[in-house]
Amino acid sequence: MPASADTSAESELDASSPEESPFSGFTRRTWIVVATVVSVVLLLILLWQLMQVLLVVFAGLLFAIFLRGVARPLRSRFQLGDGISVTLVLVGIFALLGGLGALIAPSVGPQIEEMAARLPGATERAIESIRAQPWGPWIIEQTPDPEQLVDRAGDLAANFFGAFATTIGALVNTLFALVLGVYLAINPGLYRQGIVLLVPKGRRERAEEIVQAVTSNLWQWLLGQFIMMVMVGVLTGIGLAIAGVPLAGGLALIAGLFEFVPIVGPLAAAVPGILIAFTLGPLMALYALIVYVVVQQLESNVMVPVIMKKMVSLPPALTLSATVIFGVLFGLPGVILATPLALVGVILVRMIYVNDVLGDNVPPVPAKKPRKMAELLPESAREHIADRMRGRDRSSAASETAIEDAPSDAPAEGDGAPADATSDATPDATDASRSSHP
């Protein structure tokens, strides 16, 4: 084939390609964007439908972290395997719960039953006491009718306990979380490796660091919350017993269990105690209120700074916001798991977005003490400022060295006349002074 024919064919291809390639490239990018958006939307819908199951899985993860944290001293001291150490911890937990149940069940069990029987009468007694006050009728008028309260309570319960519609469902979910936690605690490396393998090869080391940060901080939070639960329950029981409030043991158990949910839990635990104390009169209800307030003040100002000094704690505003948001979205499981979920979210945002995307260098969780403003800047900005400060220090040091090395007859800063001119003028001035004063 002649060369001219090849040249003409290539020119025809070149002439047609500029008209087709931009359109085809734009179409391809459009389809990629559409497919990505649709995939993300479908994934979010799937996660939303499975959210209740994912919450149970997260509860199992918390239980697994707790088991491994308690079993860590056994593994390190006696060189035991994961399965044996976790099994020993489970046996110890069941033995401890059985012993405590045998000790406190004879006294606390009847107290809980009596508490459930007394609460309706205590509520009516409180309403009658309020109605007897001068301002009581106005308060009663502002509150809805009892039938409306019952209807609203039923609607609230239907929404709030949607995840656990029946007692059987709650037990099944709890049992599933416990069994899942045991499996995760016995062989955590298998599941951790499965999560890390979903990340591209270049980021797997960073993914391992993030998983390690999440698990370690969750363990520290769980340990701190467990200590707080025990101390709050003991102090509440002692205070209510000293004040003479009935059913102090059962109320202390409720206060300790509700302490797992920060801010909202202690407020909810105080309601039955105050209502039961109200059956003995307004003064006893006041004593119970004082006990709850004192215990919460001790918790906020003494126990939290001491116990949480080496543990993990979130800002109160973030904790309260997370409790409300997750409670509205997911009901009771969201309220119970709001704080650990918020903790995981904070760690992921700080490590993935703030550190990796924005280039900052912040710890996985907020520091106990606020840092200086300069420490909040990105690392590149801090290095630039440090270089400028080092350059300024070098220039100031060079100027000081130049001043020290200057000759002694050099003029001082601010003097207009040279030193030799001053020395030459000195004899004339001396002679003039002598001539004017014989």
Protein backbone atom coordinates (compact mmCIF):
# COMPACT_ATOMS: atom_id res chain seq x y z
CA MET A 1 0.00 0.00 0.00
CA PRO A 2 1.37 3.40 -0.83
CA ALA A 3 2.57 5.66 1.99
CA SER A 4 0.13 8.36 0.97
CA ALA A 5 -2.81 6.00 1.66
CA ASP A 6 -1.49 5.23 5.19
CA THR A 7 -1.07 8.90 5.89
CA SER A 8 -4.60 9.71 4.74
CA ALA A 9 -6.06 6.91 6.91
CA GLU A 10 -4.19 8.13 9.98
CA SER A 11 -5.33 11.70 9.33
CA GLU A 12 -8.95 10.51 9.09
CA LEU A 13 -8.61 8.71 12.45
CA ASP A 14 -7.01 11.76 14.05
CA ALA A 15 -9.73 13.98 12.67
CA SER A 16 -12.51 11.78 14.05
CA SER A 17 -10.97 11.15 17.51
CA PRO A 18 -11.19 14.74 18.85
CA GLU A 19 -14.94 14.65 18.24
CA GLU A 20 -15.59 11.27 19.95
CA SER A 21 -13.11 11.05 22.89
CA PRO A 22 -14.34 14.00 24.97
CA PHE A 23 -17.95 12.78 24.79
CA SER A 24 -17.00 9.18 25.58
CA GLY A 25 -14.77 10.27 28.47
CA PHE A 26 -17.51 12.48 29.91
CA THR A 27 -20.03 9.65 29.58
CA ARG A 28 -17.71 7.22 31.32
CA ARG A 29 -17.07 9.61 34.22
CA THR A 30 -20.80 10.28 34.53
CA TRP A 31 -21.59 6.60 34.77
CA ILE A 32 -18.85 6.11 37.37
CA VAL A 33 -20.26 8.94 39.52
CA VAL A 34 -23.81 7.64 39.20
CA ALA A 35 -22.75 4.08 40.07
CA THR A 36 -20.78 5.34 43.09
CA VAL A 37 -23.69 7.42 44.41
CA VAL A 38 -26.17 4.57 43.93
CA SER A 39 -23.82 2.13 45.67
CA VAL A 40 -23.35 4.45 48.63
CA VAL A 41 -27.11 5.04 48.96
CA LEU A 42 -27.84 1.31 48.80
CA LEU A 43 -25.13 0.64 51.38
CA LEU A 44 -26.58 3.25 53.75
CA ILE A 45 -30.08 1.80 53.34
CA LEU A 46 -28.75 -1.69 54.06
CA LEU A 47 -26.90 -0.46 57.16
CA TRP A 48 -30.01 1.34 58.38
CA GLN A 49 -32.08 -1.81 58.01
CA LEU A 50 -29.45 -3.82 59.85
CA MET A 51 -28.77 -1.15 62.49
CA GLN A 52 -30.41 -3.05 65.34
CA VAL A 53 -28.32 -6.10 64.51
CA LEU A 54 -25.19 -3.96 64.27
CA LEU A 55 -25.92 -2.49 67.70
CA VAL A 56 -26.10 -6.01 69.15
CA VAL A 57 -22.82 -6.85 67.39
CA PHE A 58 -21.25 -3.72 68.89
CA ALA A 59 -22.47 -4.80 72.33
CA GLY A 60 -20.78 -8.14 71.75
CA LEU A 61 -17.60 -6.32 70.78
CA LEU A 62 -17.70 -4.37 74.06
CA PHE A 63 -18.13 -7.61 76.01
CA ALA A 64 -15.20 -9.16 74.14
CA ILE A 65 -12.99 -6.17 74.95
CA PHE A 66 -14.02 -6.43 78.60
CA LEU A 67 -13.20 -10.15 78.73
CA ARG A 68 -9.79 -9.69 77.11
CA GLY A 69 -8.98 -6.75 79.36
CA VAL A 70 -9.75 -8.76 82.48
CA ALA A 71 -7.91 -11.81 81.11
CA ARG A 72 -4.78 -9.83 80.18
CA PRO A 73 -3.08 -10.25 83.61
CA LEU A 74 -3.66 -14.01 83.47
CA ARG A 75 -2.12 -14.27 80.01
CA SER A 76 0.93 -12.21 80.91
CA ARG A 77 1.57 -13.69 84.36
CA PHE A 78 0.90 -17.39 83.75
CA GLN A 79 1.59 -17.48 79.98
CA LEU A 80 -1.86 -18.83 79.18
CA GLY A 81 -3.55 -18.91 75.81
CA ASP A 82 -6.47 -16.74 74.83
CA GLY A 83 -9.02 -19.53 75.11
CA ILE A 84 -7.92 -20.71 78.56
CA SER A 85 -7.61 -17.21 80.01
CA VAL A 86 -11.02 -16.12 78.70
CA THR A 87 -12.59 -19.33 79.99
CA LEU A 88 -11.14 -18.73 83.45
CA VAL A 89 -12.47 -15.17 83.42
CA LEU A 90 -15.94 -16.40 82.44
CA VAL A 91 -15.90 -18.96 85.24
CA GLY A 92 -14.82 -16.27 87.69
CA ILE A 93 -17.55 -13.89 86.51
CA PHE A 94 -20.27 -16.55 86.88
CA ALA A 95 -18.95 -17.52 90.31
CA LEU A 96 -18.86 -13.88 91.42
CA LEU A 97 -22.37 -13.20 90.14
CA GLY A 98 -23.64 -16.37 91.77
CA GLY A 99 -22.05 -15.46 95.09
CA LEU A 100 -23.37 -11.91 95.02
CA GLY A 101 -26.79 -13.20 94.03
CA ALA A 102 -26.81 -15.62 96.95
CA LEU A 103 -25.80 -12.83 99.33
CA ILE A 104 -27.99 -9.95 98.20
CA ALA A 105 -30.91 -11.69 96.48
CA PRO A 106 -32.70 -12.56 99.76
CA SER A 107 -32.74 -8.88 100.74
CA VAL A 108 -32.67 -6.99 97.42
CA GLY A 109 -35.15 -9.23 95.60
CA PRO A 110 -38.06 -8.51 97.93
CA GLN A 111 -37.04 -4.85 97.93
CA ILE A 112 -37.35 -4.68 94.15
CA GLU A 113 -40.80 -6.30 94.29
CA GLU A 114 -41.90 -3.97 97.06
CA MET A 115 -40.52 -1.03 95.09
CA ALA A 116 -42.61 -1.95 92.06
CA ALA A 117 -45.67 -2.20 94.29
CA ARG A 118 -45.02 1.11 96.03
CA LEU A 119 -44.28 3.27 93.01
CA PRO A 120 -47.92 3.83 91.91
CA GLY A 121 -48.97 4.81 95.44
CA ALA A 122 -45.88 7.01 95.80
CA THR A 123 -46.79 8.82 92.58
CA GLU A 124 -50.36 9.44 93.79
CA ARG A 125 -49.05 10.63 97.16
CA ALA A 126 -46.72 13.09 95.43
CA ILE A 127 -49.59 14.43 93.30
CA GLU A 128 -51.80 14.90 96.38
CA SER A 129 -49.02 16.70 98.22
CA ILE A 130 -48.51 19.04 95.28
CA ARG A 131 -52.25 19.70 95.03
CA ALA A 132 -52.36 20.66 98.74
CA GLN A 133 -49.86 23.48 98.22
CA PRO A 134 -51.03 27.03 97.33
CA TRP A 135 -49.40 26.76 93.94
CA GLY A 136 -50.46 23.12 93.52
CA PRO A 137 -53.71 23.63 91.54
CA TRP A 138 -51.86 25.67 88.92
CA ILE A 139 -49.28 22.89 88.54
CA ILE A 140 -51.99 20.25 88.24
CA GLU A 141 -53.79 22.30 85.59
CA GLN A 142 -50.62 22.54 83.51
CA THR A 143 -50.13 18.78 83.51
CA PRO A 144 -52.17 16.55 81.16
CA ASP A 145 -54.83 14.15 82.34
CA PRO A 146 -53.76 10.72 83.60
CA GLU A 147 -55.38 9.04 80.59
CA GLN A 148 -53.33 11.23 78.27
CA LEU A 149 -50.22 10.38 80.25
CA VAL A 150 -50.94 6.70 79.90
CA ASP A 151 -51.47 7.04 76.15
CA ARG A 152 -48.30 9.08 75.74
CA ALA A 153 -46.36 6.69 77.93
CA GLY A 154 -47.56 3.82 75.76
CA ASP A 155 -46.49 5.61 72.58
CA LEU A 156 -43.16 6.54 74.14
CA ALA A 157 -42.56 2.98 75.25
CA ALA A 158 -43.42 1.70 71.78
CA ASN A 159 -40.84 4.02 70.23
CA PHE A 160 -38.25 3.84 72.99
CA PHE A 161 -38.21 0.07 73.34
CA GLY A 162 -38.71 -0.72 69.68
CA ALA A 163 -35.57 -2.87 69.53
CA PHE A 164 -36.72 -4.98 72.48
CA ALA A 165 -40.43 -5.33 71.80
CA THR A 166 -40.77 -8.29 74.14
CA THR A 167 -38.81 -9.74 77.04
CA ILE A 168 -37.95 -12.77 74.92
CA GLY A 169 -36.47 -10.53 72.24
CA ALA A 170 -34.37 -8.72 74.84
CA LEU A 171 -33.07 -12.00 76.24
CA VAL A 172 -32.27 -13.32 72.77
CA ASN A 173 -30.37 -10.17 71.84
CA THR A 174 -28.49 -10.22 75.13
CA LEU A 175 -27.60 -13.89 74.76
CA PHE A 176 -26.45 -13.31 71.18
CA ALA A 177 -24.22 -10.42 72.28
CA LEU A 178 -22.69 -12.50 75.09
CA VAL A 179 -21.96 -15.49 72.85
CA LEU A 180 -20.56 -13.26 70.13
CA GLY A 181 -18.36 -11.51 72.68
CA VAL A 182 -16.94 -14.85 73.84
CA TYR A 183 -16.06 -15.87 70.27
CA LEU A 184 -14.44 -12.50 69.58
CA ALA A 185 -12.46 -12.63 72.83
CA ILE A 186 -11.10 -16.14 72.23
CA ASN A 187 -9.72 -15.45 68.74
CA PRO A 188 -9.61 -11.67 68.11
CA GLY A 189 -6.74 -11.84 65.63
CA LEU A 190 -8.81 -13.67 63.04
CA TYR A 191 -11.53 -11.01 62.98
CA ARG A 192 -9.06 -8.12 63.19
CA GLN A 193 -7.15 -9.49 60.22
CA GLY A 194 -10.41 -9.77 58.28
CA ILE A 195 -11.12 -6.08 58.88
CA VAL A 196 -7.60 -5.01 57.95
CA LEU A 197 -7.68 -7.03 54.71
CA LEU A 198 -10.58 -4.89 53.48
CA VAL A 199 -8.20 -1.90 53.36
CA PRO A 200 -5.75 -1.33 50.46
CA LYS A 201 -2.26 -2.71 51.05
CA GLY A 202 -0.63 0.68 51.43
CA ARG A 203 -2.98 1.61 54.31
CA ARG A 204 -3.14 -1.67 56.22
CA GLU A 205 -0.54 -0.66 58.76
CA ARG A 206 -2.50 2.51 59.49
CA ALA A 207 -5.72 0.47 59.72
CA GLU A 208 -4.04 -1.77 62.29
CA GLU A 209 -3.13 1.31 64.34
CA ILE A 210 -6.71 2.59 64.20
CA VAL A 211 -8.15 -0.77 65.28
CA GLN A 212 -5.67 -0.91 68.14
CA ALA A 213 -6.56 2.62 69.23
CA VAL A 214 -10.29 1.83 69.19
CA THR A 215 -9.95 -1.35 71.25
CA SER A 216 -7.54 0.12 73.82
CA ASN A 217 -9.62 3.26 74.38
CA LEU A 218 -12.84 1.26 74.66
CA TRP A 219 -11.20 -0.93 77.31
CA GLN A 220 -10.08 2.11 79.30
CA TRP A 221 -13.60 3.56 79.11
CA LEU A 222 -15.17 0.28 80.21
CA LEU A 223 -12.78 -0.03 83.14
CA GLY A 224 -13.49 3.53 84.26
CA GLN A 225 -17.25 3.06 83.95
CA PHE A 226 -17.15 -0.20 85.92
CA ILE A 227 -15.31 1.46 88.79
CA MET A 228 -17.72 4.39 88.72
CA MET A 229 -20.74 2.07 88.77
CA VAL A 230 -19.50 0.24 91.86
CA MET A 231 -18.61 3.40 93.75
CA VAL A 232 -21.84 5.23 92.90
CA GLY A 233 -23.94 2.21 93.91
CA VAL A 234 -22.12 1.81 97.23
CA LEU A 235 -22.26 5.52 98.10
CA THR A 236 -25.94 5.77 97.14
CA GLY A 237 -26.86 2.76 99.28
CA ILE A 238 -24.93 4.09 102.28
CA GLY A 239 -26.42 7.56 101.95
CA LEU A 240 -30.01 6.34 101.57
CA ALA A 241 -29.60 3.95 104.51
CA ILE A 242 -28.28 6.75 106.73
CA ALA A 243 -31.13 9.04 105.64
CA GLY A 244 -33.66 6.33 106.53
CA VAL A 245 -35.05 5.84 103.02
CA PRO A 246 -36.64 2.40 102.63
CA LEU A 247 -35.41 -0.13 100.08
CA ALA A 248 -31.90 1.36 100.09
CA GLY A 249 -30.30 -1.83 98.70
CA GLY A 250 -32.52 -2.02 95.63
CA LEU A 251 -32.20 1.69 94.96
CA ALA A 252 -28.41 1.41 95.23
CA LEU A 253 -28.41 -1.44 92.68
CA ILE A 254 -30.47 0.67 90.29
CA ALA A 255 -28.15 3.66 90.76
CA GLY A 256 -25.08 1.54 90.06
CA LEU A 257 -26.52 -0.06 86.92
CA PHE A 258 -27.86 3.22 85.54
CA GLU A 259 -24.43 4.80 85.99
CA PHE A 260 -23.37 2.99 82.80
CA VAL A 261 -25.28 5.66 80.87
CA PRO A 262 -23.57 8.96 81.78
CA ILE A 263 -25.61 12.08 82.65
CA VAL A 264 -29.00 10.58 81.75
CA GLY A 265 -28.64 7.39 83.81
CA PRO A 266 -28.09 9.05 87.23
CA LEU A 267 -31.08 11.35 86.65
CA ALA A 268 -33.32 8.40 85.80
CA ALA A 269 -32.04 6.42 88.81
CA ALA A 270 -32.96 9.24 91.22
CA VAL A 271 -36.67 9.23 90.25
CA PRO A 272 -37.74 5.95 91.94
CA GLY A 273 -35.71 6.75 95.05
CA ILE A 274 -37.35 10.14 95.52
CA LEU A 275 -40.84 8.75 94.83
CA ILE A 276 -40.42 5.92 97.35
CA ALA A 277 -39.07 8.36 99.94
CA PHE A 278 -42.12 10.53 99.31
CA THR A 279 -44.32 7.78 100.82
CA LEU A 280 -42.82 8.72 104.20
CA GLY A 281 -43.35 12.44 103.68
CA PRO A 282 -41.89 15.40 101.80
CA LEU A 283 -39.02 15.72 104.29
CA MET A 284 -37.83 12.17 103.54
CA ALA A 285 -38.07 12.91 99.81
CA LEU A 286 -35.88 15.96 100.42
CA TYR A 287 -33.33 13.78 102.24
CA ALA A 288 -33.27 11.35 99.32
CA LEU A 289 -32.81 14.20 96.87
CA ILE A 290 -29.90 15.53 98.95
CA VAL A 291 -28.28 12.06 98.90
CA TYR A 292 -28.50 11.80 95.11
CA VAL A 293 -27.20 15.34 94.62
CA VAL A 294 -24.26 14.79 96.99
CA VAL A 295 -23.32 11.50 95.30
CA GLN A 296 -23.42 13.13 91.87
CA GLN A 297 -21.30 16.04 93.09
CA LEU A 298 -18.76 13.60 94.50
CA GLU A 299 -18.79 11.76 91.21
CA SER A 300 -18.30 14.89 89.10
CA ASN A 301 -15.73 16.68 91.29
CA VAL A 302 -13.85 13.87 93.04
CA MET A 303 -14.30 10.46 91.42
CA VAL A 304 -14.19 11.50 87.77
CA PRO A 305 -10.97 13.60 88.09
CA VAL A 306 -9.26 10.82 90.09
CA ILE A 307 -10.54 7.68 88.36
CA MET A 308 -10.73 9.07 84.83
CA LYS A 309 -7.29 10.70 85.08
CA LYS A 310 -5.77 7.70 83.31
CA MET A 311 -8.98 6.51 81.68
CA VAL A 312 -10.92 7.80 78.71
CA SER A 313 -13.72 10.35 79.10
CA LEU A 314 -15.58 12.48 76.58
CA PRO A 315 -16.76 16.08 77.05
CA PRO A 316 -20.16 16.19 78.80
CA ALA A 317 -21.81 18.12 75.97
CA LEU A 318 -20.72 15.49 73.44
CA THR A 319 -21.88 12.67 75.70
CA LEU A 320 -25.31 14.23 76.24
CA SER A 321 -25.77 15.01 72.54
CA ALA A 322 -24.81 11.48 71.55
CA THR A 323 -27.24 10.02 74.12
CA VAL A 324 -30.14 12.09 72.81
CA ILE A 325 -29.36 11.48 69.12
CA PHE A 326 -28.82 7.72 69.40
CA GLY A 327 -31.81 7.41 71.72
CA VAL A 328 -34.11 9.10 69.20
CA LEU A 329 -32.72 7.06 66.31
CA PHE A 330 -32.40 3.60 67.87
CA GLY A 331 -34.34 3.65 71.13
CA LEU A 332 -33.10 2.00 74.31
CA PRO A 333 -30.07 0.23 72.72
CA GLY A 334 -28.96 3.59 71.34
CA VAL A 335 -29.18 5.18 74.79
CA ILE A 336 -27.17 2.37 76.41
CA LEU A 337 -24.47 2.29 73.72
CA ALA A 338 -24.41 6.03 72.92
CA THR A 339 -21.20 6.89 74.79
CA PRO A 340 -19.01 4.04 73.43
CA LEU A 341 -20.38 4.68 69.94
CA ALA A 342 -19.52 8.37 70.28
CA LEU A 343 -16.05 7.39 71.51
CA VAL A 344 -15.48 5.22 68.43
CA GLY A 345 -16.74 8.02 66.18
CA VAL A 346 -14.38 10.55 67.77
CA ILE A 347 -11.40 8.20 67.34
CA LEU A 348 -12.19 7.53 63.68
CA VAL A 349 -12.72 11.21 62.86
CA ARG A 350 -9.55 12.34 64.62
CA MET A 351 -7.29 9.60 63.23
CA ILE A 352 -8.65 9.29 59.68
CA TYR A 353 -9.87 12.79 58.84
CA VAL A 354 -7.99 15.19 61.12
CA ASN A 355 -4.62 13.41 61.06
CA ASP A 356 -4.54 11.63 57.70
CA VAL A 357 -6.57 14.03 55.53
CA LEU A 358 -5.92 17.41 57.13
CA GLY A 359 -2.34 16.59 58.11
CA ASP A 360 -2.72 17.47 61.80
CA ASN A 361 -1.21 15.53 64.68
CA VAL A 362 -3.76 15.07 67.45
CA PRO A 363 -4.30 12.14 69.86
CA PRO A 364 -7.12 9.67 69.16
CA VAL A 365 -9.25 11.10 71.99
CA PRO A 366 -9.44 14.67 73.36
CA ALA A 367 -6.69 15.46 75.81
CA LYS A 368 -7.50 15.83 79.51
CA LYS A 369 -6.04 19.35 79.46
CA PRO A 370 -6.58 21.80 76.61
CA ARG A 371 -3.50 22.31 74.49
CA LYS A 372 -2.02 25.55 73.36
CA MET A 373 -3.31 27.13 70.18
CA ALA A 374 0.02 26.55 68.43
CA GLU A 375 -0.27 22.80 69.07
CA LEU A 376 -3.59 22.70 67.24
CA LEU A 377 -2.01 23.90 63.98
CA PRO A 378 -1.10 21.40 61.24
CA GLU A 379 2.37 19.92 61.44
CA SER A 380 3.55 21.80 58.32
CA ALA A 381 2.44 25.13 59.81
CA ARG A 382 4.19 24.35 63.10
CA GLU A 383 7.42 23.47 61.25
CA HIS A 384 7.21 26.71 59.24
CA ILE A 385 6.77 28.76 62.41
CA ALA A 386 9.63 26.89 64.10
CA ASP A 387 11.93 27.55 61.12
CA ARG A 388 11.11 31.25 61.21
CA MET A 389 11.75 31.40 64.95
CA ARG A 390 15.08 29.60 64.53
CA GLY A 391 16.03 32.02 61.77
CA ARG A 392 15.12 34.98 63.99
CA ASP A 393 17.18 33.54 66.84
CA ARG A 394 20.18 33.10 64.53
CA SER A 395 19.90 36.68 63.28
CA SER A 396 19.64 38.07 66.81
CA ALA A 397 22.59 35.94 67.92
CA ALA A 398 24.63 37.18 64.95
CA SER A 399 23.86 40.81 65.79
CA GLU A 400 24.87 40.31 69.41
CA THR A 401 28.13 38.69 68.30
CA ALA A 402 28.83 41.62 65.97
CA ILE A 403 28.32 44.09 68.80
CA GLU A 404 30.63 42.16 71.11
CA ASP A 405 33.35 41.92 68.41
CA ALA A 406 33.17 45.64 67.58
CA PRO A 407 36.33 47.76 68.50
CA SER A 408 36.26 49.68 71.75
CA ASP A 409 36.59 53.09 69.99
CA ALA A 410 33.48 52.43 67.91
CA PRO A 411 30.68 54.94 68.43
CA ALA A 412 27.84 53.93 70.62
CA GLU A 413 24.39 53.47 69.07
CA GLY A 414 22.72 56.86 68.71
CA ASP A 415 25.93 58.92 68.77
CA GLY A 416 26.40 61.11 65.73
CA ALA A 417 30.07 62.01 66.21
CA PRO A 418 32.92 59.55 65.89
CA ALA A 419 34.98 58.63 68.89
CA ASP A 420 38.18 60.36 67.68
CA ALA A 421 36.29 63.60 67.13
CA THR A 422 35.07 63.43 70.69
CA SER A 423 38.56 62.78 71.98
CA ASP A 424 39.95 65.65 69.92
CA ALA A 425 37.32 67.97 71.21
CA THR A 426 37.95 67.08 74.83
CA PRO A 427 41.30 68.97 75.27
CA ASP A 428 39.83 72.14 73.72
CA ALA A 429 36.90 71.95 76.06
CA THR A 430 39.27 71.49 78.98
CA ASP A 431 41.36 74.49 77.93
CA ALA A 432 38.25 76.59 77.49
CA SER A 433 37.09 75.73 80.96
CA ARG A 434 40.45 76.60 82.42
CA SER A 435 40.54 79.97 80.69
CA SER A 436 37.07 80.92 81.83
CA HIS A 437 37.85 80.04 85.44
CA PRO A 438 41.34 81.29 86.45
